C-alpha atoms as a PDB file:
ATOM      1  CA  MET A   1     -78.488-158.782 -47.634  1.00  0.00           C
ATOM      2  CA  ALA A   2     -74.736-158.767 -48.275  1.00  0.00           C
ATOM      3  CA  LEU A   3     -74.536-162.122 -46.330  1.00  0.00           C
ATOM      4  CA  ALA A   4     -77.211-163.804 -48.278  1.00  0.00           C
ATOM      5  CA  LEU A   5     -75.648-162.681 -51.654  1.00  0.00           C
ATOM      6  CA  GLY A   6     -72.222-163.610 -50.761  1.00  0.00           C
ATOM      7  CA  ARG A   7     -70.824-160.187 -51.182  1.00  0.00           C
ATOM      8  CA  THR A   8     -69.449-157.583 -49.077  1.00  0.00           C
ATOM      9  CA  VAL A   9     -71.396-154.442 -48.127  1.00  0.00           C
ATOM     10  CA  ALA A  10     -68.663-152.469 -50.020  1.00  0.00           C
ATOM     11  CA  GLU A  11     -69.329-154.385 -53.277  1.00  0.00           C
ATOM     12  CA  LEU A  12     -73.184-153.913 -52.990  1.00  0.00           C
ATOM     13  CA  GLU A  13     -72.736-150.176 -52.246  1.00  0.00           C
ATOM     14  CA  GLU A  14     -70.482-150.041 -55.482  1.00  0.00           C
ATOM     15  CA  THR A  15     -72.716-152.217 -57.619  1.00  0.00           C
ATOM     16  CA  MET A  16     -76.353-152.039 -56.818  1.00  0.00           C
ATOM     17  CA  SER A  17     -78.429-149.421 -57.792  1.00  0.00           C
ATOM     18  CA  SER A  18     -81.221-147.891 -55.334  1.00  0.00           C
ATOM     19  CA  SER A  19     -83.992-149.208 -57.673  1.00  0.00           C
ATOM     20  CA  GLU A  20     -82.443-152.876 -57.443  1.00  0.00           C
ATOM     21  CA  PHE A  21     -82.108-152.356 -53.672  1.00  0.00           C
ATOM     22  CA  SER A  22     -85.839-151.504 -53.642  1.00  0.00           C
ATOM     23  CA  GLU A  23     -86.606-154.692 -55.540  1.00  0.00           C
ATOM     24  CA  TRP A  24     -84.709-156.813 -52.995  1.00  0.00           C
ATOM     25  CA  LEU A  25     -86.622-155.293 -50.230  1.00  0.00           C
ATOM     26  CA  GLU A  26     -89.758-156.223 -51.918  1.00  0.00           C
ATOM     27  CA  TYR A  27     -88.675-159.712 -52.421  1.00  0.00           C
ATOM     28  CA  TYR A  28     -87.615-160.129 -48.938  1.00  0.00           C
ATOM     29  CA  GLU A  29     -91.285-158.885 -47.932  1.00  0.00           C
ATOM     30  CA  LEU A  30     -92.575-161.693 -49.969  1.00  0.00           C
ATOM     31  CA  SER A  31     -89.962-164.397 -49.106  1.00  0.00           C
ATOM     32  CA  PRO A  32     -87.697-163.724 -46.136  1.00  0.00           C
ATOM     33  CA  PHE A  33     -84.182-164.931 -46.277  1.00  0.00           C
ATOM     34  CA  GLY A  34     -81.193-165.165 -43.921  1.00  0.00           C
ATOM     35  CA  ALA A  35     -80.737-165.966 -40.228  1.00  0.00           C
ATOM     36  CA  TRP A  36     -84.386-165.234 -39.133  1.00  0.00           C
ATOM     37  CA  ARG A  37     -85.696-167.715 -41.771  1.00  0.00           C
ATOM     38  CA  ASP A  38     -83.141-170.374 -40.799  1.00  0.00           C
ATOM     39  CA  ASN A  39     -84.202-170.000 -37.147  1.00  0.00           C
ATOM     40  CA  TYR A  40     -87.924-170.123 -38.013  1.00  0.00           C
ATOM     41  CA  HIS A  41     -87.453-173.461 -40.195  1.00  0.00           C
ATOM     42  CA  SER A  42     -85.358-175.097 -37.173  1.00  0.00           C
ATOM     43  CA  ALA A  43     -88.088-174.024 -34.785  1.00  0.00           C
ATOM     44  CA  GLN A  44     -90.697-175.488 -37.058  1.00  0.00           C
ATOM     45  CA  ILE A  45     -88.927-178.805 -37.200  1.00  0.00           C
ATOM     46  CA  ALA A  46     -88.347-178.797 -33.333  1.00  0.00           C
ATOM     47  CA  SER A  47     -91.975-178.198 -32.780  1.00  0.00           C
ATOM     48  CA  LEU A  48     -93.081-181.002 -34.944  1.00  0.00           C
ATOM     49  CA  ILE A  49     -90.828-183.520 -33.321  1.00  0.00           C
ATOM     50  CA  TYR A  50     -91.654-182.282 -29.871  1.00  0.00           C
ATOM     51  CA  ASN A  51     -95.467-182.409 -30.387  1.00  0.00           C
ATOM     52  CA  ALA A  52     -95.122-185.788 -32.209  1.00  0.00           C
ATOM     53  CA  ASN A  53     -93.542-187.320 -29.123  1.00  0.00           C
ATOM     54  CA  ARG A  54     -95.337-185.092 -26.367  1.00  0.00           C
ATOM     55  CA  GLY A  55     -97.636-187.715 -24.982  1.00  0.00           C
ATOM     56  CA  LYS A  56    -100.400-186.109 -23.023  1.00  0.00           C
ATOM     57  CA  SER A  57     -98.574-182.908 -22.160  1.00  0.00           C
ATOM     58  CA  ASN A  58     -99.825-179.619 -23.970  1.00  0.00           C
ATOM     59  CA  PRO A  59     -98.703-178.949 -27.391  1.00  0.00           C
ATOM     60  CA  MET A  60     -95.981-176.213 -28.157  1.00  0.00           C
ATOM     61  CA  GLY A  61     -95.888-173.758 -30.921  1.00  0.00           C
ATOM     62  CA  ILE A  62     -93.080-172.610 -33.170  1.00  0.00           C
ATOM     63  CA  ASP A  63     -92.428-169.511 -30.865  1.00  0.00           C
ATOM     64  CA  ASN A  64     -91.438-171.953 -27.973  1.00  0.00           C
ATOM     65  CA  PHE A  65     -88.511-173.103 -30.200  1.00  0.00           C
ATOM     66  CA  MET A  66     -87.267-169.859 -31.806  1.00  0.00           C
ATOM     67  CA  TYR A  67     -83.960-168.937 -30.721  1.00  0.00           C
ATOM     68  CA  MET A  68     -83.851-165.505 -28.847  1.00  0.00           C
ATOM     69  CA  ASP A  69     -80.857-163.782 -27.597  1.00  0.00           C
ATOM     70  CA  ARG A  70     -80.633-163.129 -23.884  1.00  0.00           C
ATOM     71  CA  GLU A  71     -81.675-159.384 -24.035  1.00  0.00           C
ATOM     72  CA  THR A  72     -84.403-159.848 -26.382  1.00  0.00           C
ATOM     73  CA  ALA A  73     -85.798-162.767 -24.155  1.00  0.00           C
ATOM     74  CA  GLU A  74     -85.299-160.458 -20.920  1.00  0.00           C
ATOM     75  CA  GLN A  75     -87.251-157.789 -22.725  1.00  0.00           C
ATOM     76  CA  ARG A  76     -90.032-160.042 -23.563  1.00  0.00           C
ATOM     77  CA  ARG A  77     -90.273-161.395 -20.032  1.00  0.00           C
ATOM     78  CA  GLU A  78     -90.477-157.816 -18.791  1.00  0.00           C
ATOM     79  CA  SER A  79     -93.199-156.790 -21.265  1.00  0.00           C
ATOM     80  CA  GLU A  80     -95.233-159.929 -20.362  1.00  0.00           C
ATOM     81  CA  PHE A  81     -94.837-159.158 -16.722  1.00  0.00           C
ATOM     82  CA  ILE A  82     -96.049-155.519 -17.105  1.00  0.00           C
ATOM     83  CA  ALA A  83     -98.941-156.844 -19.459  1.00  0.00           C
ATOM     84  CA  SER A  84    -100.036-159.220 -16.704  1.00  0.00           C
ATOM     85  CA  LEU A  85     -99.973-156.405 -14.091  1.00  0.00           C
ATOM     86  CA  ASP A  86    -102.111-154.210 -16.342  1.00  0.00           C
ATOM     87  CA  ALA A  87    -104.567-156.949 -16.855  1.00  0.00           C
ATOM     88  CA  GLY A  88    -104.844-157.546 -13.168  1.00  0.00           C
ATOM     89  CA  ALA A  89    -105.368-153.870 -12.415  1.00  0.00           C
ATOM     90  CA  VAL A  90    -108.243-153.774 -15.102  1.00  0.00           C
ATOM     91  CA  LYS A  91    -110.032-156.819 -13.611  1.00  0.00           C
ATOM     92  CA  LYS A  92    -109.514-155.358  -9.931  1.00  0.00           C
ATOM     93  CA  ASN A  93    -110.846-152.039 -11.117  1.00  0.00           C
ATOM     94  CA  GLY A  94    -113.398-152.979 -13.842  1.00  0.00           C
END
């Protein structure tokens, strides 16, 4: 929040009341701001450009273009792999 407001954390701690902070949290729930939102907008544009020029290949959604740090990407791949193993076990035993 400090970055979005152009202030330091220390400045916000000195000048922002807990009620104002709560209001900012509510506002963020309605209209997120910051790096995540910027990433989403860039992914939205990249998805639009890709899909407009993709020819006969399958369309790609915004998730395909969202920036993800290496650790998060690895965790997601592991989770998807485990989910696919679980799905296979259900089919085999079901």
